[in-house]
Amino acid sequence: MEANKDIVEPLFEKVAQYCKTSFALIKLQSLSKTADVSSTMFSRLLLIIVLSMFALTLNIAIALWLGDVLGKNYYGFLIVASFYALIAIVLYLIHPIIKARINRIIITEMLT
C-alpha cells in the first residue's frame, strides 16, 4: 500500500504542475491576442480620426465650391448634406451585414 502511495503522489504533483503551466500558457496567449487586437483597433482608430479631419475639410471645400457654382453658398451645403443622408440610409439598410462581418473578423483574429 505504501508503494502505491509513493507512485501516486509524484503523479499528482506532476498533474498539478501541468495544470498550472497550462493555465499560465492560456493566460499568456489570451493576453497576447488581446494586446494584438487592442493595438490594431487603436491604430485604426487613430487613422480614422486623421482621415475624418481630412474628409471634414474636404467636404467644407466642396460645399463652398458648389455654392459658388450654384450662386448661393447654402446650396452647396445642402447638396453635400443630402449626399451624406443618402449614405446614412444605405448604411442603415446594410447594418446587419456589416455587423456580422466585423464579428467574424474579431472572432477569427482572437482564435488564430
N, C-alpha and C. Protein backbone atom coordinates (compact mmCIF):
# COMPACT_ATOMS: atom_id res chain seq x y z
N MET A 1 0.81 -1.19 0.00
CA MET A 1 0.00 0.00 0.00
C MET A 1 0.86 1.26 0.00
N GLU A 2 1.93 1.22 0.77
CA GLU A 2 2.86 2.35 0.84
C GLU A 2 3.54 2.58 -0.51
N ALA A 3 3.80 1.51 -1.26
CA ALA A 3 4.44 1.63 -2.57
C ALA A 3 3.52 2.36 -3.55
N ASN A 4 2.22 2.07 -3.50
CA ASN A 4 1.25 2.76 -4.37
C ASN A 4 1.19 4.25 -4.05
N LYS A 5 1.27 4.56 -2.75
CA LYS A 5 1.24 5.94 -2.32
C LYS A 5 2.47 6.70 -2.83
N ASP A 6 3.62 6.03 -2.84
CA ASP A 6 4.85 6.64 -3.34
C ASP A 6 4.79 6.89 -4.86
N ILE A 7 4.03 6.07 -5.56
CA ILE A 7 3.90 6.23 -7.01
C ILE A 7 2.86 7.30 -7.36
N VAL A 8 1.76 7.30 -6.63
CA VAL A 8 0.65 8.19 -6.95
C VAL A 8 0.96 9.65 -6.57
N GLU A 9 1.64 9.86 -5.47
CA GLU A 9 1.93 11.22 -5.01
C GLU A 9 2.72 12.04 -6.02
N PRO A 10 3.83 11.55 -6.57
CA PRO A 10 4.54 12.32 -7.60
C PRO A 10 3.68 12.55 -8.86
N LEU A 11 2.82 11.57 -9.15
CA LEU A 11 1.94 11.72 -10.30
C LEU A 11 0.97 12.89 -10.10
N PHE A 12 0.39 13.01 -8.92
CA PHE A 12 -0.50 14.12 -8.61
C PHE A 12 0.25 15.46 -8.65
N GLU A 13 1.46 15.47 -8.20
CA GLU A 13 2.26 16.70 -8.23
C GLU A 13 2.54 17.11 -9.68
N LYS A 14 2.83 16.12 -10.54
CA LYS A 14 3.08 16.43 -11.95
C LYS A 14 1.82 16.92 -12.64
N VAL A 15 0.67 16.33 -12.31
CA VAL A 15 -0.60 16.77 -12.89
C VAL A 15 -0.91 18.19 -12.43
N ALA A 16 -0.69 18.49 -11.15
CA ALA A 16 -0.94 19.84 -10.64
C ALA A 16 -0.01 20.85 -11.33
N GLN A 17 1.24 20.49 -11.50
CA GLN A 17 2.18 21.38 -12.18
C GLN A 17 1.79 21.57 -13.63
N TYR A 18 1.33 20.50 -14.29
CA TYR A 18 0.89 20.59 -15.68
C TYR A 18 -0.31 21.54 -15.79
N CYS A 19 -1.25 21.43 -14.86
CA CYS A 19 -2.44 22.30 -14.88
C CYS A 19 -2.03 23.75 -14.68
N LYS A 20 -1.13 24.00 -13.75
CA LYS A 20 -0.67 25.37 -13.52
C LYS A 20 0.03 25.93 -14.75
N THR A 21 0.87 25.12 -15.38
CA THR A 21 1.59 25.55 -16.57
C THR A 21 0.63 25.80 -17.73
N SER A 22 -0.35 24.91 -17.90
CA SER A 22 -1.34 25.08 -18.97
C SER A 22 -2.15 26.34 -18.76
N PHE A 23 -2.55 26.60 -17.52
CA PHE A 23 -3.31 27.80 -17.21
C PHE A 23 -2.49 29.06 -17.49
N ALA A 24 -1.22 29.03 -17.11
CA ALA A 24 -0.35 30.18 -17.37
C ALA A 24 -0.18 30.40 -18.87
N LEU A 25 -0.06 29.32 -19.62
CA LEU A 25 0.07 29.43 -21.07
C LEU A 25 -1.19 30.03 -21.69
N ILE A 26 -2.34 29.59 -21.24
CA ILE A 26 -3.61 30.13 -21.75
C ILE A 26 -3.72 31.61 -21.43
N LYS A 27 -3.32 32.00 -20.22
CA LYS A 27 -3.35 33.41 -19.84
C LYS A 27 -2.45 34.23 -20.75
N LEU A 28 -1.25 33.73 -21.01
CA LEU A 28 -0.32 34.48 -21.85
C LEU A 28 -0.81 34.56 -23.30
N GLN A 29 -1.39 33.48 -23.80
CA GLN A 29 -1.92 33.50 -25.16
C GLN A 29 -3.08 34.49 -25.28
N SER A 30 -3.97 34.49 -24.29
CA SER A 30 -5.10 35.42 -24.34
C SER A 30 -4.62 36.86 -24.19
N LEU A 31 -3.62 37.08 -23.36
CA LEU A 31 -3.05 38.41 -23.22
C LEU A 31 -2.43 38.87 -24.54
N SER A 32 -1.74 37.98 -25.22
CA SER A 32 -1.13 38.32 -26.50
C SER A 32 -2.19 38.69 -27.53
N LYS A 33 -3.24 37.91 -27.61
CA LYS A 33 -4.32 38.18 -28.57
C LYS A 33 -5.02 39.49 -28.23
N THR A 34 -5.28 39.72 -26.95
CA THR A 34 -5.94 40.95 -26.53
C THR A 34 -5.08 42.15 -26.87
N ALA A 35 -3.79 42.06 -26.62
CA ALA A 35 -2.88 43.16 -26.95
C ALA A 35 -2.84 43.39 -28.45
N ASP A 36 -2.84 42.32 -29.23
CA ASP A 36 -2.80 42.43 -30.68
C ASP A 36 -4.06 43.11 -31.21
N VAL A 37 -5.22 42.66 -30.74
CA VAL A 37 -6.48 43.24 -31.19
C VAL A 37 -6.59 44.70 -30.72
N SER A 38 -6.20 44.97 -29.50
CA SER A 38 -6.28 46.34 -28.96
C SER A 38 -5.37 47.29 -29.73
N SER A 39 -4.15 46.87 -29.99
CA SER A 39 -3.22 47.75 -30.72
C SER A 39 -3.70 47.97 -32.15
N THR A 40 -4.26 46.95 -32.77
CA THR A 40 -4.79 47.10 -34.13
C THR A 40 -5.96 48.09 -34.13
N MET A 41 -6.86 47.93 -33.16
CA MET A 41 -8.01 48.83 -33.09
C MET A 41 -7.57 50.26 -32.79
N PHE A 42 -6.59 50.45 -31.91
CA PHE A 42 -6.12 51.79 -31.59
C PHE A 42 -5.49 52.47 -32.80
N SER A 43 -4.65 51.73 -33.52
CA SER A 43 -4.00 52.33 -34.69
C SER A 43 -5.03 52.65 -35.78
N ARG A 44 -6.01 51.81 -35.94
CA ARG A 44 -7.06 52.09 -36.93
C ARG A 44 -7.92 53.27 -36.49
N LEU A 45 -8.19 53.37 -35.20
CA LEU A 45 -8.96 54.50 -34.69
C LEU A 45 -8.22 55.81 -34.93
N LEU A 46 -6.93 55.79 -34.71
CA LEU A 46 -6.12 56.98 -34.97
C LEU A 46 -6.15 57.36 -36.45
N LEU A 47 -6.05 56.36 -37.31
CA LEU A 47 -6.14 56.60 -38.75
C LEU A 47 -7.51 57.16 -39.12
N ILE A 48 -8.56 56.63 -38.53
CA ILE A 48 -9.91 57.11 -38.80
C ILE A 48 -10.07 58.57 -38.38
N ILE A 49 -9.50 58.94 -37.24
CA ILE A 49 -9.59 60.32 -36.77
C ILE A 49 -8.90 61.27 -37.76
N VAL A 50 -7.71 60.90 -38.20
CA VAL A 50 -6.98 61.75 -39.15
C VAL A 50 -7.73 61.84 -40.48
N LEU A 51 -8.23 60.71 -40.97
CA LEU A 51 -8.99 60.74 -42.23
C LEU A 51 -10.29 61.52 -42.08
N SER A 52 -10.90 61.47 -40.91
CA SER A 52 -12.13 62.24 -40.67
C SER A 52 -11.87 63.74 -40.75
N MET A 53 -10.76 64.17 -40.17
CA MET A 53 -10.40 65.58 -40.24
C MET A 53 -10.16 66.01 -41.70
N PHE A 54 -9.49 65.15 -42.45
CA PHE A 54 -9.27 65.43 -43.87
C PHE A 54 -10.60 65.51 -44.61
N ALA A 55 -11.48 64.54 -44.35
CA ALA A 55 -12.77 64.49 -45.03
C ALA A 55 -13.63 65.71 -44.67
N LEU A 56 -13.59 66.12 -43.41
CA LEU A 56 -14.36 67.30 -42.99
C LEU A 56 -13.90 68.54 -43.75
N THR A 57 -12.60 68.74 -43.80
CA THR A 57 -12.06 69.89 -44.51
C THR A 57 -12.40 69.83 -46.00
N LEU A 58 -12.26 68.65 -46.58
CA LEU A 58 -12.57 68.49 -48.00
C LEU A 58 -14.06 68.74 -48.27
N ASN A 59 -14.93 68.26 -47.39
CA ASN A 59 -16.36 68.46 -47.58
C ASN A 59 -16.75 69.93 -47.48
N ILE A 60 -16.13 70.67 -46.58
CA ILE A 60 -16.40 72.11 -46.49
C ILE A 60 -15.96 72.80 -47.78
N ALA A 61 -14.80 72.40 -48.28
CA ALA A 61 -14.30 72.99 -49.52
C ALA A 61 -15.23 72.68 -50.69
N ILE A 62 -15.70 71.44 -50.78
CA ILE A 62 -16.62 71.06 -51.86
C ILE A 62 -17.93 71.82 -51.74
N ALA A 63 -18.44 71.94 -50.52
CA ALA A 63 -19.70 72.66 -50.31
C ALA A 63 -19.56 74.13 -50.70
N LEU A 64 -18.46 74.75 -50.33
CA LEU A 64 -18.24 76.14 -50.70
C LEU A 64 -18.09 76.29 -52.22
N TRP A 65 -17.38 75.35 -52.84
CA TRP A 65 -17.20 75.39 -54.29
C TRP A 65 -18.54 75.22 -55.01
N LEU A 66 -19.35 74.23 -54.56
CA LEU A 66 -20.67 74.04 -55.16
C LEU A 66 -21.55 75.27 -54.96
N GLY A 67 -21.42 75.87 -53.79
CA GLY A 67 -22.19 77.09 -53.53
C GLY A 67 -21.81 78.21 -54.48
N ASP A 68 -20.51 78.35 -54.76
CA ASP A 68 -20.07 79.36 -55.73
C ASP A 68 -20.61 79.06 -57.13
N VAL A 69 -20.56 77.79 -57.51
CA VAL A 69 -21.03 77.39 -58.84
C VAL A 69 -22.53 77.63 -58.97
N LEU A 70 -23.30 77.32 -57.92
CA LEU A 70 -24.75 77.44 -57.98
C LEU A 70 -25.26 78.83 -57.61
N GLY A 71 -24.40 79.69 -57.08
CA GLY A 71 -24.80 81.06 -56.81
C GLY A 71 -25.10 81.36 -55.35
N LYS A 72 -25.41 80.36 -54.55
CA LYS A 72 -25.71 80.56 -53.12
C LYS A 72 -24.91 79.52 -52.33
N ASN A 73 -24.23 79.97 -51.29
CA ASN A 73 -23.39 79.05 -50.51
C ASN A 73 -24.19 77.92 -49.88
N TYR A 74 -25.38 78.21 -49.42
CA TYR A 74 -26.13 77.16 -48.73
C TYR A 74 -26.57 76.04 -49.68
N TYR A 75 -26.65 76.29 -50.98
CA TYR A 75 -26.95 75.21 -51.93
C TYR A 75 -25.88 74.13 -51.89
N GLY A 76 -24.64 74.55 -51.83
CA GLY A 76 -23.55 73.59 -51.77
C GLY A 76 -23.61 72.74 -50.51
N PHE A 77 -23.90 73.38 -49.37
CA PHE A 77 -24.00 72.62 -48.13
C PHE A 77 -25.21 71.69 -48.14
N LEU A 78 -26.31 72.12 -48.76
CA LEU A 78 -27.49 71.25 -48.87
C LEU A 78 -27.20 70.01 -49.73
N ILE A 79 -26.47 70.19 -50.79
CA ILE A 79 -26.13 69.07 -51.67
C ILE A 79 -25.22 68.09 -50.93
N VAL A 80 -24.20 68.61 -50.26
CA VAL A 80 -23.28 67.74 -49.52
C VAL A 80 -24.03 67.02 -48.39
N ALA A 81 -24.91 67.71 -47.68
CA ALA A 81 -25.69 67.09 -46.60
C ALA A 81 -26.62 66.01 -47.16
N SER A 82 -27.22 66.27 -48.31
CA SER A 82 -28.09 65.26 -48.94
C SER A 82 -27.31 64.02 -49.33
N PHE A 83 -26.11 64.22 -49.81
CA PHE A 83 -25.25 63.09 -50.17
C PHE A 83 -24.97 62.22 -48.94
N TYR A 84 -24.67 62.85 -47.81
CA TYR A 84 -24.40 62.09 -46.59
C TYR A 84 -25.66 61.45 -46.01
N ALA A 85 -26.81 62.09 -46.21
CA ALA A 85 -28.07 61.47 -45.79
C ALA A 85 -28.32 60.20 -46.59
N LEU A 86 -28.03 60.23 -47.87
CA LEU A 86 -28.19 59.05 -48.72
C LEU A 86 -27.25 57.93 -48.27
N ILE A 87 -26.00 58.28 -47.97
CA ILE A 87 -25.04 57.29 -47.48
C ILE A 87 -25.51 56.70 -46.15
N ALA A 88 -26.06 57.54 -45.26
CA ALA A 88 -26.56 57.06 -43.96
C ALA A 88 -27.70 56.07 -44.13
N ILE A 89 -28.58 56.33 -45.07
CA ILE A 89 -29.70 55.41 -45.31
C ILE A 89 -29.19 54.07 -45.82
N VAL A 90 -28.25 54.10 -46.75
CA VAL A 90 -27.68 52.85 -47.27
C VAL A 90 -26.97 52.08 -46.16
N LEU A 91 -26.19 52.77 -45.33
CA LEU A 91 -25.51 52.10 -44.22
C LEU A 91 -26.49 51.52 -43.22
N TYR A 92 -27.59 52.21 -42.98
CA TYR A 92 -28.62 51.70 -42.07
C TYR A 92 -29.22 50.41 -42.62
N LEU A 93 -29.41 50.35 -43.92
CA LEU A 93 -30.02 49.17 -44.53
C LEU A 93 -29.07 47.97 -44.53
N ILE A 94 -27.77 48.20 -44.66
CA ILE A 94 -26.83 47.08 -44.70
C ILE A 94 -26.13 46.86 -43.36
N HIS A 95 -26.63 47.50 -42.30
CA HIS A 95 -26.02 47.38 -40.98
C HIS A 95 -25.85 45.93 -40.51
N PRO A 96 -26.85 45.04 -40.66
CA PRO A 96 -26.65 43.65 -40.21
C PRO A 96 -25.50 42.94 -40.91
N ILE A 97 -25.30 43.22 -42.18
CA ILE A 97 -24.22 42.59 -42.93
C ILE A 97 -22.86 43.07 -42.40
N ILE A 98 -22.75 44.38 -42.18
CA ILE A 98 -21.50 44.94 -41.66
C ILE A 98 -21.21 44.39 -40.27
N LYS A 99 -22.22 44.33 -39.43
CA LYS A 99 -22.05 43.82 -38.06
C LYS A 99 -21.58 42.37 -38.07
N ALA A 100 -22.18 41.55 -38.91
CA ALA A 100 -21.80 40.13 -38.99
C ALA A 100 -20.35 39.98 -39.45
N ARG A 101 -19.94 40.78 -40.42
CA ARG A 101 -18.55 40.69 -40.91
C ARG A 101 -17.55 41.12 -39.84
N ILE A 102 -17.85 42.19 -39.12
CA ILE A 102 -16.94 42.65 -38.07
C ILE A 102 -16.85 41.61 -36.96
N ASN A 103 -17.99 41.02 -36.58
CA ASN A 103 -17.97 39.95 -35.57
C ASN A 103 -17.10 38.78 -36.04
N ARG A 104 -17.25 38.39 -37.28
CA ARG A 104 -16.47 37.28 -37.82
C ARG A 104 -14.97 37.60 -37.81
N ILE A 105 -14.62 38.82 -38.17
CA ILE A 105 -13.21 39.22 -38.19
C ILE A 105 -12.62 39.19 -36.79
N ILE A 106 -13.35 39.73 -35.82
CA ILE A 106 -12.85 39.75 -34.44
C ILE A 106 -12.69 38.34 -33.89
N ILE A 107 -13.68 37.49 -34.12
CA ILE A 107 -13.61 36.10 -33.62
C ILE A 107 -12.47 35.36 -34.29
N THR A 108 -12.31 35.53 -35.59
CA THR A 108 -11.21 34.87 -36.30
C THR A 108 -9.86 35.33 -35.76
N GLU A 109 -9.74 36.64 -35.52
CA GLU A 109 -8.48 37.19 -35.00
C GLU A 109 -8.18 36.66 -33.61
N MET A 110 -9.20 36.52 -32.78
CA MET A 110 -8.98 36.04 -31.41
C MET A 110 -8.65 34.55 -31.38
N LEU A 111 -9.15 33.78 -32.33
CA LEU A 111 -8.94 32.33 -32.31
C LEU A 111 -7.69 31.88 -33.05
N THR A 112 -7.07 32.75 -33.81
CA THR A 112 -5.87 32.33 -34.54
C THR A 112 -4.62 32.84 -33.86
